[in-house]
Amino acid sequence: MAQLLRATLTFFSTLAVGVLTAGALVALMPSLGGGIDAGPANGLHFESLLLGVLFGLVLGTVGRYNWADVPRRVITWFLIRERQFFYYSLIAICIGVLLFY
């Protein structure tokens, strides 16, 4: 649980740093003589920036997984919970008979 919380906090802190860096660049560009206008018509669209940074972080996170190991983990997960799935399927069949008969 602590590892999941740490990964989540790292993800959101990296996202915040990316957005704050872009905001600082937009704020500093007029004083540095840059060509970016901070007005609403020609300025930086922060929603698009946030979405782009979020997609980049998600792709970076997903790229770290060992995808060759995923099928083995899924099969192991199903085999461990085989008895529960049997009971759930019996419950679904009984509910189906009650509803459709």
C-alpha atoms as a PDB file:
ATOM      1  CA  MET A   1       0.000   0.000   0.000  1.00  0.00           C
ATOM      2  CA  ALA A   2       2.811   2.381   0.853  1.00  0.00           C
ATOM      3  CA  GLN A   3       4.473   1.684  -2.496  1.00  0.00           C
ATOM      4  CA  LEU A   4       1.251   2.525  -4.367  1.00  0.00           C
ATOM      5  CA  LEU A   5       0.858   5.743  -2.384  1.00  0.00           C
ATOM      6  CA  ARG A   6       4.461   6.692  -3.070  1.00  0.00           C
ATOM      7  CA  ALA A   7       4.056   6.042  -6.811  1.00  0.00           C
ATOM      8  CA  THR A   8       0.849   8.099  -6.895  1.00  0.00           C
ATOM      9  CA  LEU A   9       2.440  11.015  -5.070  1.00  0.00           C
ATOM     10  CA  THR A  10       5.485  10.870  -7.360  1.00  0.00           C
ATOM     11  CA  PHE A  11       3.208  10.908 -10.421  1.00  0.00           C
ATOM     12  CA  PHE A  12       1.220  13.931  -9.269  1.00  0.00           C
ATOM     13  CA  SER A  13       4.280  15.826  -8.065  1.00  0.00           C
ATOM     14  CA  THR A  14       5.930  15.337 -11.465  1.00  0.00           C
ATOM     15  CA  LEU A  15       2.732  16.523 -13.130  1.00  0.00           C
ATOM     16  CA  ALA A  16       2.683  19.618 -10.916  1.00  0.00           C
ATOM     17  CA  VAL A  17       6.327  20.402 -11.669  1.00  0.00           C
ATOM     18  CA  GLY A  18       5.650  20.207 -15.415  1.00  0.00           C
ATOM     19  CA  VAL A  19       2.670  22.545 -15.232  1.00  0.00           C
ATOM     20  CA  LEU A  20       4.459  24.987 -12.906  1.00  0.00           C
ATOM     21  CA  THR A  21       7.478  25.068 -15.208  1.00  0.00           C
ATOM     22  CA  ALA A  22       5.276  25.865 -18.204  1.00  0.00           C
ATOM     23  CA  GLY A  23       3.477  28.548 -16.204  1.00  0.00           C
ATOM     24  CA  ALA A  24       6.768  30.095 -15.152  1.00  0.00           C
ATOM     25  CA  LEU A  25       7.985  30.131 -18.754  1.00  0.00           C
ATOM     26  CA  VAL A  26       4.798  31.873 -19.895  1.00  0.00           C
ATOM     27  CA  ALA A  27       5.105  34.399 -17.073  1.00  0.00           C
ATOM     28  CA  LEU A  28       8.774  35.131 -17.855  1.00  0.00           C
ATOM     29  CA  MET A  29       8.538  35.296 -21.656  1.00  0.00           C
ATOM     30  CA  PRO A  30       7.228  38.897 -21.929  1.00  0.00           C
ATOM     31  CA  SER A  31      10.044  40.186 -19.733  1.00  0.00           C
ATOM     32  CA  LEU A  32      12.645  38.230 -21.709  1.00  0.00           C
ATOM     33  CA  GLY A  33      11.335  39.569 -25.019  1.00  0.00           C
ATOM     34  CA  GLY A  34       9.851  36.291 -26.181  1.00  0.00           C
ATOM     35  CA  GLY A  35       7.095  36.005 -28.710  1.00  0.00           C
ATOM     36  CA  ILE A  36       4.502  34.196 -26.573  1.00  0.00           C
ATOM     37  CA  ASP A  37       1.519  36.359 -25.754  1.00  0.00           C
ATOM     38  CA  ALA A  38      -0.149  35.510 -22.443  1.00  0.00           C
ATOM     39  CA  GLY A  39      -3.548  36.771 -23.607  1.00  0.00           C
ATOM     40  CA  PRO A  40      -6.516  34.432 -23.906  1.00  0.00           C
ATOM     41  CA  ALA A  41      -6.599  34.525 -27.723  1.00  0.00           C
ATOM     42  CA  ASN A  42      -2.937  33.798 -28.456  1.00  0.00           C
ATOM     43  CA  GLY A  43      -1.680  32.486 -25.145  1.00  0.00           C
ATOM     44  CA  LEU A  44      -0.781  29.069 -23.901  1.00  0.00           C
ATOM     45  CA  HIS A  45      -3.776  26.795 -23.493  1.00  0.00           C
ATOM     46  CA  PHE A  46      -3.222  25.360 -20.005  1.00  0.00           C
ATOM     47  CA  GLU A  47      -5.856  22.629 -20.372  1.00  0.00           C
ATOM     48  CA  SER A  48      -4.011  21.251 -23.404  1.00  0.00           C
ATOM     49  CA  LEU A  49      -0.706  21.590 -21.589  1.00  0.00           C
ATOM     50  CA  LEU A  50      -2.021  19.715 -18.572  1.00  0.00           C
ATOM     51  CA  LEU A  51      -3.472  16.979 -20.797  1.00  0.00           C
ATOM     52  CA  GLY A  52      -0.196  16.666 -22.720  1.00  0.00           C
ATOM     53  CA  VAL A  53       1.896  16.427 -19.560  1.00  0.00           C
ATOM     54  CA  LEU A  54      -0.559  13.895 -18.126  1.00  0.00           C
ATOM     55  CA  PHE A  55      -0.425  11.728 -21.274  1.00  0.00           C
ATOM     56  CA  GLY A  56       3.354  11.906 -21.272  1.00  0.00           C
ATOM     57  CA  LEU A  57       3.560  10.781 -17.664  1.00  0.00           C
ATOM     58  CA  VAL A  58       1.054   7.965 -18.243  1.00  0.00           C
ATOM     59  CA  LEU A  59       2.953   6.709 -21.286  1.00  0.00           C
ATOM     60  CA  GLY A  60       6.211   6.854 -19.342  1.00  0.00           C
ATOM     61  CA  THR A  61       4.670   4.924 -16.471  1.00  0.00           C
ATOM     62  CA  VAL A  62       3.065   2.296 -18.727  1.00  0.00           C
ATOM     63  CA  GLY A  63       6.315   1.902 -20.624  1.00  0.00           C
ATOM     64  CA  ARG A  64       8.088   0.755 -17.468  1.00  0.00           C
ATOM     65  CA  TYR A  65       5.954  -2.371 -17.086  1.00  0.00           C
ATOM     66  CA  ASN A  66       7.257  -5.742 -18.169  1.00  0.00           C
ATOM     67  CA  TRP A  67       4.481  -6.663 -20.613  1.00  0.00           C
ATOM     68  CA  ALA A  68       5.805 -10.198 -21.147  1.00  0.00           C
ATOM     69  CA  ASP A  69       4.983 -10.939 -17.499  1.00  0.00           C
ATOM     70  CA  VAL A  70       1.346  -9.732 -17.657  1.00  0.00           C
ATOM     71  CA  PRO A  71      -0.274 -12.928 -19.111  1.00  0.00           C
ATOM     72  CA  ARG A  72       1.371 -15.112 -16.465  1.00  0.00           C
ATOM     73  CA  ARG A  73       0.160 -12.793 -13.685  1.00  0.00           C
ATOM     74  CA  VAL A  74      -3.410 -12.714 -15.070  1.00  0.00           C
ATOM     75  CA  ILE A  75      -3.564 -16.522 -15.320  1.00  0.00           C
ATOM     76  CA  THR A  76      -2.165 -16.880 -11.795  1.00  0.00           C
ATOM     77  CA  TRP A  77      -4.743 -14.384 -10.507  1.00  0.00           C
ATOM     78  CA  PHE A  78      -7.594 -16.347 -12.128  1.00  0.00           C
ATOM     79  CA  LEU A  79      -6.305 -19.696 -10.821  1.00  0.00           C
ATOM     80  CA  ILE A  80      -6.046 -18.378  -7.269  1.00  0.00           C
ATOM     81  CA  ARG A  81      -9.649 -17.117  -7.401  1.00  0.00           C
ATOM     82  CA  GLU A  82     -11.059 -20.110  -9.292  1.00  0.00           C
ATOM     83  CA  ARG A  83     -13.461 -21.116  -6.519  1.00  0.00           C
ATOM     84  CA  GLN A  84     -14.832 -17.573  -6.213  1.00  0.00           C
ATOM     85  CA  PHE A  85     -15.469 -17.396  -9.966  1.00  0.00           C
ATOM     86  CA  PHE A  86     -17.313 -20.728  -9.796  1.00  0.00           C
ATOM     87  CA  TYR A  87     -19.600 -19.391  -7.064  1.00  0.00           C
ATOM     88  CA  TYR A  88     -20.129 -16.107  -8.915  1.00  0.00           C
ATOM     89  CA  SER A  89     -21.082 -17.981 -12.076  1.00  0.00           C
ATOM     90  CA  LEU A  90     -23.591 -20.106 -10.125  1.00  0.00           C
ATOM     91  CA  ILE A  91     -25.096 -16.961  -8.621  1.00  0.00           C
ATOM     92  CA  ALA A  92     -25.323 -15.367 -12.090  1.00  0.00           C
ATOM     93  CA  ILE A  93     -27.042 -18.469 -13.497  1.00  0.00           C
ATOM     94  CA  CYS A  94     -29.576 -18.509 -10.653  1.00  0.00           C
ATOM     95  CA  ILE A  95     -30.328 -14.799 -11.081  1.00  0.00           C
ATOM     96  CA  GLY A  96     -30.639 -15.336 -14.851  1.00  0.00           C
ATOM     97  CA  VAL A  97     -33.153 -18.148 -14.301  1.00  0.00           C
ATOM     98  CA  LEU A  98     -35.154 -15.997 -11.897  1.00  0.00           C
ATOM     99  CA  LEU A  99     -35.216 -13.030 -14.264  1.00  0.00           C
ATOM    100  CA  PHE A 100     -35.872 -14.790 -17.565  1.00  0.00           C
ATOM    101  CA  TYR A 101     -38.180 -17.627 -16.529  1.00  0.00           C
END
